[in-house]
C-alpha atoms as a PDB file:
ATOM      1  CA  MET A   1      34.072   6.482  -8.289  1.00  0.00           C
ATOM      2  CA  HIS A   2      34.956   5.410  -4.510  1.00  0.00           C
ATOM      3  CA  ALA A   3      36.060   2.034  -3.809  1.00  0.00           C
ATOM      4  CA  ARG A   4      32.949   1.816  -1.484  1.00  0.00           C
ATOM      5  CA  VAL A   5      30.428   3.149  -3.743  1.00  0.00           C
ATOM      6  CA  LEU A   6      28.418   0.558  -5.844  1.00  0.00           C
ATOM      7  CA  ARG A   7      26.774   1.503  -8.825  1.00  0.00           C
ATOM      8  CA  THR A   8      23.976  -1.339 -10.270  1.00  0.00           C
ATOM      9  CA  PRO A   9      25.117  -2.754 -13.508  1.00  0.00           C
ATOM     10  CA  GLU A  10      22.733  -1.125 -16.036  1.00  0.00           C
ATOM     11  CA  GLU A  11      22.038  -4.141 -17.509  1.00  0.00           C
ATOM     12  CA  ARG A  12      19.846  -5.082 -14.608  1.00  0.00           C
ATOM     13  CA  PHE A  13      17.220  -2.174 -15.752  1.00  0.00           C
ATOM     14  CA  ASP A  14      16.619  -3.560 -19.358  1.00  0.00           C
ATOM     15  CA  ASN A  15      13.093  -4.194 -20.490  1.00  0.00           C
ATOM     16  CA  LEU A  16      11.394  -3.624 -17.214  1.00  0.00           C
ATOM     17  CA  GLU A  17       8.048  -4.141 -17.330  1.00  0.00           C
ATOM     18  CA  GLY A  18       6.137  -0.841 -17.887  1.00  0.00           C
ATOM     19  CA  TYR A  19       8.979   1.817 -17.214  1.00  0.00           C
ATOM     20  CA  SER A  20      10.428   3.158 -20.323  1.00  0.00           C
ATOM     21  CA  PHE A  21      11.476   6.447 -19.305  1.00  0.00           C
ATOM     22  CA  LYS A  22      14.312   8.464 -20.032  1.00  0.00           C
ATOM     23  CA  PRO A  23      17.419   8.225 -17.580  1.00  0.00           C
ATOM     24  CA  ASN A  24      18.748  11.511 -16.619  1.00  0.00           C
ATOM     25  CA  TYR A  25      21.700  11.993 -14.126  1.00  0.00           C
ATOM     26  CA  LEU A  26      23.490  14.412 -12.115  1.00  0.00           C
ATOM     27  CA  GLU A  27      26.018  14.194  -8.685  1.00  0.00           C
ATOM     28  CA  VAL A  28      25.841  15.287  -5.491  1.00  0.00           C
ATOM     29  CA  ASP A  29      28.296  16.288  -2.696  1.00  0.00           C
ATOM     30  CA  GLY A  30      29.292  12.558  -1.193  1.00  0.00           C
ATOM     31  CA  GLY A  31      31.977  14.108   1.160  1.00  0.00           C
ATOM     32  CA  GLU A  32      34.775  12.183   1.812  1.00  0.00           C
ATOM     33  CA  LEU A  33      33.182   9.305  -0.673  1.00  0.00           C
ATOM     34  CA  GLY A  34      33.403  11.996  -3.780  1.00  0.00           C
ATOM     35  CA  PRO A  35      30.531  12.856  -6.355  1.00  0.00           C
ATOM     36  CA  LEU A  36      27.516  10.570  -6.027  1.00  0.00           C
ATOM     37  CA  ARG A  37      25.414   9.947  -9.192  1.00  0.00           C
ATOM     38  CA  MET A  38      21.452  10.587  -8.787  1.00  0.00           C
ATOM     39  CA  HIS A  39      19.284   9.325 -11.118  1.00  0.00           C
ATOM     40  CA  TYR A  40      15.889  10.950 -11.767  1.00  0.00           C
ATOM     41  CA  VAL A  41      12.759  10.748 -14.024  1.00  0.00           C
ATOM     42  CA  ASP A  42      12.430  14.018 -16.047  1.00  0.00           C
ATOM     43  CA  GLU A  43       9.133  14.081 -18.013  1.00  0.00           C
ATOM     44  CA  GLY A  44       6.877  16.771 -19.241  1.00  0.00           C
ATOM     45  CA  ASP A  45       7.559  20.223 -20.610  1.00  0.00           C
ATOM     46  CA  ASN A  46      10.313  21.847 -18.894  1.00  0.00           C
ATOM     47  CA  ASN A  47       8.529  25.141 -18.098  1.00  0.00           C
ATOM     48  CA  ALA A  48       5.157  23.299 -16.870  1.00  0.00           C
ATOM     49  CA  PRO A  49       4.307  23.586 -13.443  1.00  0.00           C
ATOM     50  CA  VAL A  50       6.521  20.820 -10.961  1.00  0.00           C
ATOM     51  CA  ILE A  51       5.366  17.548  -9.131  1.00  0.00           C
ATOM     52  CA  LEU A  52       8.250  15.930  -7.382  1.00  0.00           C
ATOM     53  CA  CYS A  53       7.265  12.394  -6.678  1.00  0.00           C
ATOM     54  CA  MET A  54       9.599  11.151  -3.766  1.00  0.00           C
ATOM     55  CA  HIS A  55       9.139   7.450  -3.269  1.00  0.00           C
ATOM     56  CA  GLY A  56      10.295   5.438  -0.001  1.00  0.00           C
ATOM     57  CA  GLU A  57      11.955   1.912   1.088  1.00  0.00           C
ATOM     58  CA  PRO A  58      12.860  -0.005  -0.713  1.00  0.00           C
ATOM     59  CA  THR A  59      11.513   1.223  -3.577  1.00  0.00           C
ATOM     60  CA  TRP A  60      12.982   3.866  -6.522  1.00  0.00           C
ATOM     61  CA  SER A  61      11.133   5.601  -8.971  1.00  0.00           C
ATOM     62  CA  TYR A  62       9.491   2.820 -10.633  1.00  0.00           C
ATOM     63  CA  LEU A  63       7.334   3.026  -7.744  1.00  0.00           C
ATOM     64  CA  TYR A  64       5.920   6.100  -9.923  1.00  0.00           C
ATOM     65  CA  ARG A  65       5.162   4.447 -13.116  1.00  0.00           C
ATOM     66  CA  LYS A  66       1.679   4.220 -13.485  1.00  0.00           C
ATOM     67  CA  MET A  67       1.443   8.202 -12.140  1.00  0.00           C
ATOM     68  CA  ILE A  68       3.694   9.863 -14.355  1.00  0.00           C
ATOM     69  CA  PRO A  69       1.878   9.307 -17.312  1.00  0.00           C
ATOM     70  CA  PRO A  70      -1.245  10.618 -16.712  1.00  0.00           C
ATOM     71  CA  LEU A  71       0.323  13.817 -15.035  1.00  0.00           C
ATOM     72  CA  VAL A  72       2.689  14.617 -17.787  1.00  0.00           C
ATOM     73  CA  GLU A  73      -0.858  14.406 -20.105  1.00  0.00           C
ATOM     74  CA  ALA A  74      -2.601  16.758 -17.746  1.00  0.00           C
ATOM     75  CA  GLY A  75       0.457  19.260 -18.404  1.00  0.00           C
ATOM     76  CA  PHE A  76       2.497  19.066 -15.646  1.00  0.00           C
ATOM     77  CA  ARG A  77       6.495  18.200 -15.249  1.00  0.00           C
ATOM     78  CA  VAL A  78       7.185  15.726 -13.198  1.00  0.00           C
ATOM     79  CA  VAL A  79      10.431  14.529 -11.753  1.00  0.00           C
ATOM     80  CA  ALA A  80      11.150  11.446  -9.745  1.00  0.00           C
ATOM     81  CA  PRO A  81      14.313  10.553  -8.296  1.00  0.00           C
ATOM     82  CA  ASP A  82      16.073   7.799  -6.903  1.00  0.00           C
ATOM     83  CA  LEU A  83      17.243   8.446  -3.518  1.00  0.00           C
ATOM     84  CA  ILE A  84      21.038   7.839  -3.046  1.00  0.00           C
ATOM     85  CA  GLY A  85      21.376   3.803  -2.253  1.00  0.00           C
ATOM     86  CA  PHE A  86      18.270   2.964  -4.084  1.00  0.00           C
ATOM     87  CA  GLY A  87      17.575   2.591  -8.160  1.00  0.00           C
ATOM     88  CA  LYS A  88      19.989   3.803 -10.732  1.00  0.00           C
ATOM     89  CA  SER A  89      21.670   5.854  -8.199  1.00  0.00           C
ATOM     90  CA  ASP A  90      24.559   5.138  -6.766  1.00  0.00           C
ATOM     91  CA  LYS A  91      24.703   3.061  -3.365  1.00  0.00           C
ATOM     92  CA  PRO A  92      27.539   3.886  -0.873  1.00  0.00           C
ATOM     93  CA  ALA A  93      28.374   0.284   0.829  1.00  0.00           C
ATOM     94  CA  LEU A  94      28.693   1.651   4.144  1.00  0.00           C
ATOM     95  CA  ARG A  95      25.756   2.127   6.279  1.00  0.00           C
ATOM     96  CA  ASN A  96      26.795   4.692   8.540  1.00  0.00           C
ATOM     97  CA  THR A  97      27.114   7.014   5.059  1.00  0.00           C
ATOM     98  CA  TYR A  98      23.115   7.106   5.727  1.00  0.00           C
ATOM     99  CA  THR A  99      21.665   9.062   7.552  1.00  0.00           C
ATOM    100  CA  GLN A 100      18.737  11.440   7.218  1.00  0.00           C
ATOM    101  CA  ALA A 101      20.888  14.388   7.257  1.00  0.00           C
ATOM    102  CA  SER A 102      22.700  12.859   4.671  1.00  0.00           C
ATOM    103  CA  HIS A 103      19.460  12.172   2.873  1.00  0.00           C
ATOM    104  CA  LEU A 104      18.009  15.773   3.274  1.00  0.00           C
ATOM    105  CA  GLY A 105      21.547  17.126   1.912  1.00  0.00           C
ATOM    106  CA  TRP A 106      21.209  14.958  -1.287  1.00  0.00           C
ATOM    107  CA  MET A 107      17.838  16.172  -2.032  1.00  0.00           C
ATOM    108  CA  ALA A 108      18.195  19.828  -1.027  1.00  0.00           C
ATOM    109  CA  GLN A 109      21.236  19.475  -3.326  1.00  0.00           C
ATOM    110  CA  PHE A 110      19.464  17.791  -6.197  1.00  0.00           C
ATOM    111  CA  ILE A 111      16.402  20.355  -5.869  1.00  0.00           C
ATOM    112  CA  GLN A 112      18.761  23.443  -6.305  1.00  0.00           C
ATOM    113  CA  GLN A 113      20.812  21.980  -9.446  1.00  0.00           C
ATOM    114  CA  LEU A 114      17.314  21.603 -11.109  1.00  0.00           C
ATOM    115  CA  ASP A 115      16.376  24.974  -9.631  1.00  0.00           C
ATOM    116  CA  LEU A 116      12.782  23.350  -9.221  1.00  0.00           C
ATOM    117  CA  THR A 117      10.330  25.616  -8.058  1.00  0.00           C
ATOM    118  CA  GLY A 118       6.392  25.636  -6.765  1.00  0.00           C
ATOM    119  CA  ILE A 119       6.639  22.219  -6.456  1.00  0.00           C
ATOM    120  CA  THR A 120       3.730  19.794  -5.620  1.00  0.00           C
ATOM    121  CA  LEU A 121       5.318  17.103  -3.531  1.00  0.00           C
ATOM    122  CA  VAL A 122       3.625  13.890  -3.987  1.00  0.00           C
ATOM    123  CA  CYS A 123       5.179  11.632  -1.212  1.00  0.00           C
ATOM    124  CA  GLN A 124       4.795   8.291   0.484  1.00  0.00           C
ATOM    125  CA  ASP A 125       6.933   6.285   3.120  1.00  0.00           C
ATOM    126  CA  TRP A 126      10.195   7.917   3.295  1.00  0.00           C
ATOM    127  CA  GLY A 127       9.251  10.037   0.199  1.00  0.00           C
ATOM    128  CA  GLY A 128       7.347  11.820   2.858  1.00  0.00           C
ATOM    129  CA  LEU A 129       9.676  11.349   6.082  1.00  0.00           C
ATOM    130  CA  LEU A 130      12.205  13.796   4.020  1.00  0.00           C
ATOM    131  CA  GLY A 131      10.224  15.305   1.432  1.00  0.00           C
ATOM    132  CA  LEU A 132       7.763  17.082   4.109  1.00  0.00           C
ATOM    133  CA  ARG A 133      10.984  18.246   6.008  1.00  0.00           C
ATOM    134  CA  LEU A 134      12.297  19.816   2.979  1.00  0.00           C
ATOM    135  CA  GLY A 135       8.933  21.344   2.511  1.00  0.00           C
ATOM    136  CA  VAL A 136       9.713  23.391   5.589  1.00  0.00           C
ATOM    137  CA  GLN A 137      13.704  23.681   5.129  1.00  0.00           C
ATOM    138  CA  MET A 138      12.983  24.837   1.937  1.00  0.00           C
ATOM    139  CA  PRO A 139       9.547  27.092   1.650  1.00  0.00           C
ATOM    140  CA  GLU A 140      10.496  29.404  -1.123  1.00  0.00           C
ATOM    141  CA  ARG A 141      10.639  25.957  -3.290  1.00  0.00           C
ATOM    142  CA  PHE A 142       7.460  24.497  -2.521  1.00  0.00           C
ATOM    143  CA  ALA A 143       3.516  25.142  -3.303  1.00  0.00           C
ATOM    144  CA  ARG A 144       1.648  22.580  -1.748  1.00  0.00           C
ATOM    145  CA  PHE A 145       1.495  18.833  -0.516  1.00  0.00           C
ATOM    146  CA  THR A 146       0.083  15.574  -1.553  1.00  0.00           C
ATOM    147  CA  ILE A 147       0.871  12.483   1.251  1.00  0.00           C
ATOM    148  CA  SER A 148      -0.071   8.890   0.858  1.00  0.00           C
ATOM    149  CA  ASN A 149       1.306   6.744   4.214  1.00  0.00           C
ATOM    150  CA  SER A 150       3.472   8.930   5.738  1.00  0.00           C
ATOM    151  CA  GLY A 151       4.399  11.914   7.811  1.00  0.00           C
ATOM    152  CA  ILE A 152       6.838  13.404   9.714  1.00  0.00           C
ATOM    153  CA  VAL A 153       8.419  11.177  12.762  1.00  0.00           C
ATOM    154  CA  ALA A 154       9.772  12.907  15.471  1.00  0.00           C
ATOM    155  CA  GLY A 155      10.190  11.219  18.963  1.00  0.00           C
ATOM    156  CA  LYS A 156       7.580   8.836  19.618  1.00  0.00           C
ATOM    157  CA  ALA A 157       5.388  10.467  17.542  1.00  0.00           C
ATOM    158  CA  VAL A 158       4.247   9.248  13.841  1.00  0.00           C
ATOM    159  CA  GLY A 159       2.868  12.472  12.686  1.00  0.00           C
ATOM    160  CA  VAL A 160       1.108  14.412  14.811  1.00  0.00           C
ATOM    161  CA  GLY A 161       0.982  14.015  18.738  1.00  0.00           C
ATOM    162  CA  GLY A 162       1.199  10.699  18.997  1.00  0.00           C
ATOM    163  CA  ASN A 163       2.145   8.695  22.065  1.00  0.00           C
ATOM    164  CA  SER A 164       3.792   5.596  20.120  1.00  0.00           C
ATOM    165  CA  PHE A 165       4.825   3.529  17.107  1.00  0.00           C
ATOM    166  CA  PRO A 166       2.180   1.010  15.815  1.00  0.00           C
ATOM    167  CA  PHE A 167       3.494  -2.594  16.339  1.00  0.00           C
ATOM    168  CA  ALA A 168       3.737  -3.290  12.873  1.00  0.00           C
ATOM    169  CA  ILE A 169       6.384  -0.427  12.607  1.00  0.00           C
ATOM    170  CA  LEU A 170       8.934  -2.268  15.436  1.00  0.00           C
ATOM    171  CA  ASP A 171       7.800  -5.548  13.618  1.00  0.00           C
ATOM    172  CA  TRP A 172       8.739  -4.130  10.580  1.00  0.00           C
ATOM    173  CA  ILE A 173      12.189  -2.801  11.949  1.00  0.00           C
ATOM    174  CA  GLN A 174      13.318  -6.284  13.195  1.00  0.00           C
ATOM    175  CA  TYR A 175      12.289  -7.784  10.158  1.00  0.00           C
ATOM    176  CA  SER A 176      14.664  -5.471   8.285  1.00  0.00           C
ATOM    177  CA  GLN A 177      17.609  -6.139  10.330  1.00  0.00           C
ATOM    178  CA  ASN A 178      17.306  -9.986  10.731  1.00  0.00           C
ATOM    179  CA  VAL A 179      16.050 -11.253   7.536  1.00  0.00           C
ATOM    180  CA  VAL A 180      18.724 -12.893   5.639  1.00  0.00           C
ATOM    181  CA  ASP A 181      17.546 -12.092   2.150  1.00  0.00           C
ATOM    182  CA  PHE A 182      16.460  -8.839   2.184  1.00  0.00           C
ATOM    183  CA  ASP A 183      14.056  -9.145  -0.750  1.00  0.00           C
ATOM    184  CA  ALA A 184      12.747  -5.641  -1.713  1.00  0.00           C
ATOM    185  CA  GLY A 185      10.393  -7.151  -4.677  1.00  0.00           C
ATOM    186  CA  LEU A 186       8.612  -9.223  -1.832  1.00  0.00           C
ATOM    187  CA  VAL A 187       8.432  -6.635   0.609  1.00  0.00           C
ATOM    188  CA  VAL A 188       6.168  -4.318  -2.128  1.00  0.00           C
ATOM    189  CA  GLU A 189       4.574  -7.570  -2.967  1.00  0.00           C
ATOM    190  CA  GLN A 190       3.540  -8.300   0.833  1.00  0.00           C
ATOM    191  CA  HIS A 191       2.366  -4.757   1.234  1.00  0.00           C
ATOM    192  CA  THR A 192       0.239  -4.220  -1.722  1.00  0.00           C
ATOM    193  CA  VAL A 193      -3.607  -5.369  -1.674  1.00  0.00           C
ATOM    194  CA  ASN A 194      -3.341  -5.964  -5.547  1.00  0.00           C
ATOM    195  CA  ASP A 195      -1.137  -8.906  -7.251  1.00  0.00           C
ATOM    196  CA  LEU A 196       2.064  -7.931  -8.355  1.00  0.00           C
ATOM    197  CA  SER A 197       2.838  -9.408 -11.510  1.00  0.00           C
ATOM    198  CA  GLN A 198       6.175 -11.519 -11.559  1.00  0.00           C
ATOM    199  CA  GLY A 199       7.791  -8.061 -14.041  1.00  0.00           C
ATOM    200  CA  ALA A 200       7.079  -5.573 -11.403  1.00  0.00           C
ATOM    201  CA  VAL A 201       8.784  -7.884  -8.664  1.00  0.00           C
ATOM    202  CA  ALA A 202      11.890  -8.334 -10.619  1.00  0.00           C
ATOM    203  CA  ALA A 203      11.565  -4.822 -11.120  1.00  0.00           C
ATOM    204  CA  TYR A 204      12.138  -3.926  -7.355  1.00  0.00           C
ATOM    205  CA  ARG A 205      14.856  -6.480  -7.009  1.00  0.00           C
ATOM    206  CA  ALA A 206      16.493  -5.103  -9.918  1.00  0.00           C
ATOM    207  CA  PRO A 207      18.872  -2.126  -8.411  1.00  0.00           C
ATOM    208  CA  PHE A 208      20.383  -4.844  -5.269  1.00  0.00           C
ATOM    209  CA  PRO A 209      22.144  -7.511  -7.543  1.00  0.00           C
ATOM    210  CA  SER A 210      23.719  -8.595  -4.016  1.00  0.00           C
ATOM    211  CA  GLU A 211      23.510  -7.483  -0.151  1.00  0.00           C
ATOM    212  CA  GLU A 212      26.018  -5.504  -0.750  1.00  0.00           C
ATOM    213  CA  TYR A 213      23.873  -3.233  -2.411  1.00  0.00           C
ATOM    214  CA  LYS A 214      21.376  -3.243   0.121  1.00  0.00           C
ATOM    215  CA  ALA A 215      23.096  -0.789   2.769  1.00  0.00           C
ATOM    216  CA  GLY A 216      20.980   2.376   2.416  1.00  0.00           C
ATOM    217  CA  ALA A 217      17.856  -0.419   2.267  1.00  0.00           C
ATOM    218  CA  ARG A 218      18.889  -1.917   5.751  1.00  0.00           C
ATOM    219  CA  GLN A 219      19.675   1.317   7.139  1.00  0.00           C
ATOM    220  CA  PHE A 220      16.483   3.658   6.789  1.00  0.00           C
ATOM    221  CA  PRO A 221      14.539   1.654   9.035  1.00  0.00           C
ATOM    222  CA  CYS A 222      16.811   2.246  11.639  1.00  0.00           C
ATOM    223  CA  LEU A 223      16.845   6.010  11.051  1.00  0.00           C
ATOM    224  CA  LEU A 224      13.075   6.230  12.366  1.00  0.00           C
ATOM    225  CA  THR A 225      13.033   8.396  15.151  1.00  0.00           C
ATOM    226  CA  ILE A 226      11.410   5.878  17.389  1.00  0.00           C
ATOM    227  CA  SER A 227      12.774   7.335  20.124  1.00  0.00           C
ATOM    228  CA  PRO A 228      13.202  10.973  21.297  1.00  0.00           C
ATOM    229  CA  SER A 229      16.997   9.910  22.202  1.00  0.00           C
ATOM    230  CA  HIS A 230      17.759   9.079  18.512  1.00  0.00           C
ATOM    231  CA  PRO A 231      20.259  11.563  17.379  1.00  0.00           C
ATOM    232  CA  GLU A 232      17.886  13.132  14.519  1.00  0.00           C
ATOM    233  CA  ALA A 233      14.926  12.990  16.576  1.00  0.00           C
ATOM    234  CA  ALA A 234      15.489  16.832  17.919  1.00  0.00           C
ATOM    235  CA  PRO A 235      15.697  18.306  14.142  1.00  0.00           C
ATOM    236  CA  ALA A 236      12.611  15.962  13.150  1.00  0.00           C
ATOM    237  CA  THR A 237      10.413  17.729  15.975  1.00  0.00           C
ATOM    238  CA  VAL A 238      11.541  20.994  15.086  1.00  0.00           C
ATOM    239  CA  ASP A 239      10.481  20.614  11.712  1.00  0.00           C
ATOM    240  CA  TRP A 240       7.307  18.843  12.678  1.00  0.00           C
ATOM    241  CA  GLU A 241       6.680  21.570  14.337  1.00  0.00           C
ATOM    242  CA  LYS A 242       6.704  23.851  11.552  1.00  0.00           C
ATOM    243  CA  PHE A 243       4.672  21.754   9.090  1.00  0.00           C
ATOM    244  CA  LYS A 244       1.949  21.262  11.580  1.00  0.00           C
ATOM    245  CA  VAL A 245       0.959  24.894  11.132  1.00  0.00           C
ATOM    246  CA  THR A 246       1.508  25.365   7.322  1.00  0.00           C
ATOM    247  CA  GLU A 247      -1.139  27.117   5.319  1.00  0.00           C
ATOM    248  CA  LYS A 248       0.150  25.735   1.940  1.00  0.00           C
ATOM    249  CA  PRO A 249      -2.294  23.331   0.984  1.00  0.00           C
ATOM    250  CA  VAL A 250      -1.948  19.983   1.747  1.00  0.00           C
ATOM    251  CA  LEU A 251      -3.813  16.577   0.525  1.00  0.00           C
ATOM    252  CA  CYS A 252      -3.999  13.257   1.948  1.00  0.00           C
ATOM    253  CA  ALA A 253      -4.755  10.156   0.015  1.00  0.00           C
ATOM    254  CA  PHE A 254      -3.879   7.290   2.345  1.00  0.00           C
ATOM    255  CA  GLY A 255      -4.013   3.601   2.208  1.00  0.00           C
ATOM    256  CA  TYR A 256      -7.097   2.159   4.013  1.00  0.00           C
ATOM    257  CA  HIS A 257      -5.150  -0.850   4.403  1.00  0.00           C
ATOM    258  CA  ASP A 258      -1.698   0.423   5.494  1.00  0.00           C
ATOM    259  CA  PRO A 259      -0.742  -0.943   8.492  1.00  0.00           C
ATOM    260  CA  PHE A 260       2.020   1.542   9.519  1.00  0.00           C
ATOM    261  CA  PHE A 261       0.703   5.017   9.138  1.00  0.00           C
ATOM    262  CA  ALA A 262      -3.265   4.507   8.153  1.00  0.00           C
ATOM    263  CA  SER A 263      -4.176   6.256  11.689  1.00  0.00           C
ATOM    264  CA  VAL A 264      -1.788   9.407  10.613  1.00  0.00           C
ATOM    265  CA  MET A 265      -4.654  10.481   7.815  1.00  0.00           C
ATOM    266  CA  MET A 266      -6.964  11.797  10.703  1.00  0.00           C
ATOM    267  CA  GLN A 267      -3.904  13.416  12.322  1.00  0.00           C
ATOM    268  CA  ILE A 268      -2.807  15.310   9.509  1.00  0.00           C
ATOM    269  CA  MET A 269      -5.969  16.606   8.404  1.00  0.00           C
ATOM    270  CA  GLN A 270      -5.864  18.787  11.588  1.00  0.00           C
ATOM    271  CA  ILE A 271      -2.951  20.831   9.849  1.00  0.00           C
ATOM    272  CA  PRO A 272      -3.996  24.143   8.617  1.00  0.00           C
ATOM    273  CA  GLY A 273      -3.695  24.157   4.830  1.00  0.00           C
ATOM    274  CA  ALA A 274      -5.406  20.654   4.927  1.00  0.00           C
ATOM    275  CA  GLN A 275      -9.046  22.101   6.435  1.00  0.00           C
ATOM    276  CA  GLY A 276     -11.434  21.350   3.908  1.00  0.00           C
ATOM    277  CA  GLN A 277      -9.198  19.570   0.981  1.00  0.00           C
ATOM    278  CA  PRO A 278     -10.638  16.864  -0.829  1.00  0.00           C
ATOM    279  CA  HIS A 279      -9.067  13.929   0.827  1.00  0.00           C
ATOM    280  CA  LYS A 280      -9.713  10.577   0.226  1.00  0.00           C
ATOM    281  CA  MET A 281      -9.210   6.630   1.771  1.00  0.00           C
ATOM    282  CA  LEU A 282      -7.860   4.887  -1.028  1.00  0.00           C
ATOM    283  CA  ASN A 283      -8.175   0.754  -1.445  1.00  0.00           C
ATOM    284  CA  ALA A 284      -4.236   0.470  -1.184  1.00  0.00           C
ATOM    285  CA  ALA A 285      -1.919  -1.113   1.288  1.00  0.00           C
ATOM    286  CA  HIS A 286       1.109   0.854   2.243  1.00  0.00           C
ATOM    287  CA  PHE A 287       2.648   1.011  -1.514  1.00  0.00           C
ATOM    288  CA  SER A 288      -0.364   2.949  -2.799  1.00  0.00           C
ATOM    289  CA  GLN A 289       1.231   3.901  -6.099  1.00  0.00           C
ATOM    290  CA  GLU A 290       0.993   0.387  -6.944  1.00  0.00           C
ATOM    291  CA  ASP A 291      -2.420  -0.319  -5.492  1.00  0.00           C
ATOM    292  CA  ALA A 292      -4.307   2.904  -7.252  1.00  0.00           C
ATOM    293  CA  GLY A 293      -1.582   4.751  -8.298  1.00  0.00           C
ATOM    294  CA  GLU A 294      -4.040   6.125 -11.531  1.00  0.00           C
ATOM    295  CA  GLU A 295      -6.893   7.284  -8.490  1.00  0.00           C
ATOM    296  CA  TRP A 296      -4.034   9.300  -6.666  1.00  0.00           C
ATOM    297  CA  ALA A 297      -2.917  10.635 -10.154  1.00  0.00           C
ATOM    298  CA  GLN A 298      -6.380  12.046 -10.725  1.00  0.00           C
ATOM    299  CA  MET A 299      -7.051  13.479  -7.381  1.00  0.00           C
ATOM    300  CA  VAL A 300      -3.731  15.605  -7.804  1.00  0.00           C
ATOM    301  CA  ILE A 301      -4.938  16.985 -11.268  1.00  0.00           C
ATOM    302  CA  ASP A 302      -8.432  17.757 -10.061  1.00  0.00           C
ATOM    303  CA  TRP A 303      -7.037  18.964  -7.118  1.00  0.00           C
ATOM    304  CA  ILE A 304      -4.455  21.490  -8.257  1.00  0.00           C
ATOM    305  CA  GLY A 305      -6.801  21.957 -11.459  1.00  0.00           C
END
């Protein structure tokens, strides 16, 4: 392993509350850093329809622990990767390693290596900012999309046609860069309606033993394309223009109490594939999987069924 790549000690993940899934690993190309190990949960029959669950900032596949069992029981294969820099996946120590393009490249390799097709994307936060772009870049592999508290961010738009970013997002960027102790457990706890158990808070802290492991988590907010001059605004805009005319089914399950993306749901519902779908506002804040994971899972089961 390259000296500039960190790997969270395995004992940090011992006996996590509510998370007993078998670990799976594959390697993606990290360029000059060499191979990067990527962790993922893969539950259910390999021949079953695929549900790809993508997490965001600063979480990992632990976020989906309430949704995976009912989806598997309903007959799906559920794949939930940890993005590079998060969870049990490798963590390059230099922040400039992390770009939207690099994350998209790593996830594209992940999908190709597992040869995932007919994908139902379940996404929230950066899981959507990246996952929805993958959906238009690899259209032959994606069948439908269900989105919570996310959208494709391009220029100054969040989702469709917005003219400015919510103050909550600008405040989040400032906080993430200036807070001395970037505490992932505290971040999740502060953006849920329900109180998290101490075990769950500890699980969100587990991937980050010290500040040096947090390069990816610190960098993600800086990758938001809040200005048209952002180096990744133009390609994100191209992908948004493609996604907003998709006729593939799109289901929204946004958190009513989310300060970042709550207003985006009405905009995404204008997409052709979202017309007539059984959208729902959840009694949830930003991390809807924590507040209403079982409800969102049942929505997906009923929707596909």
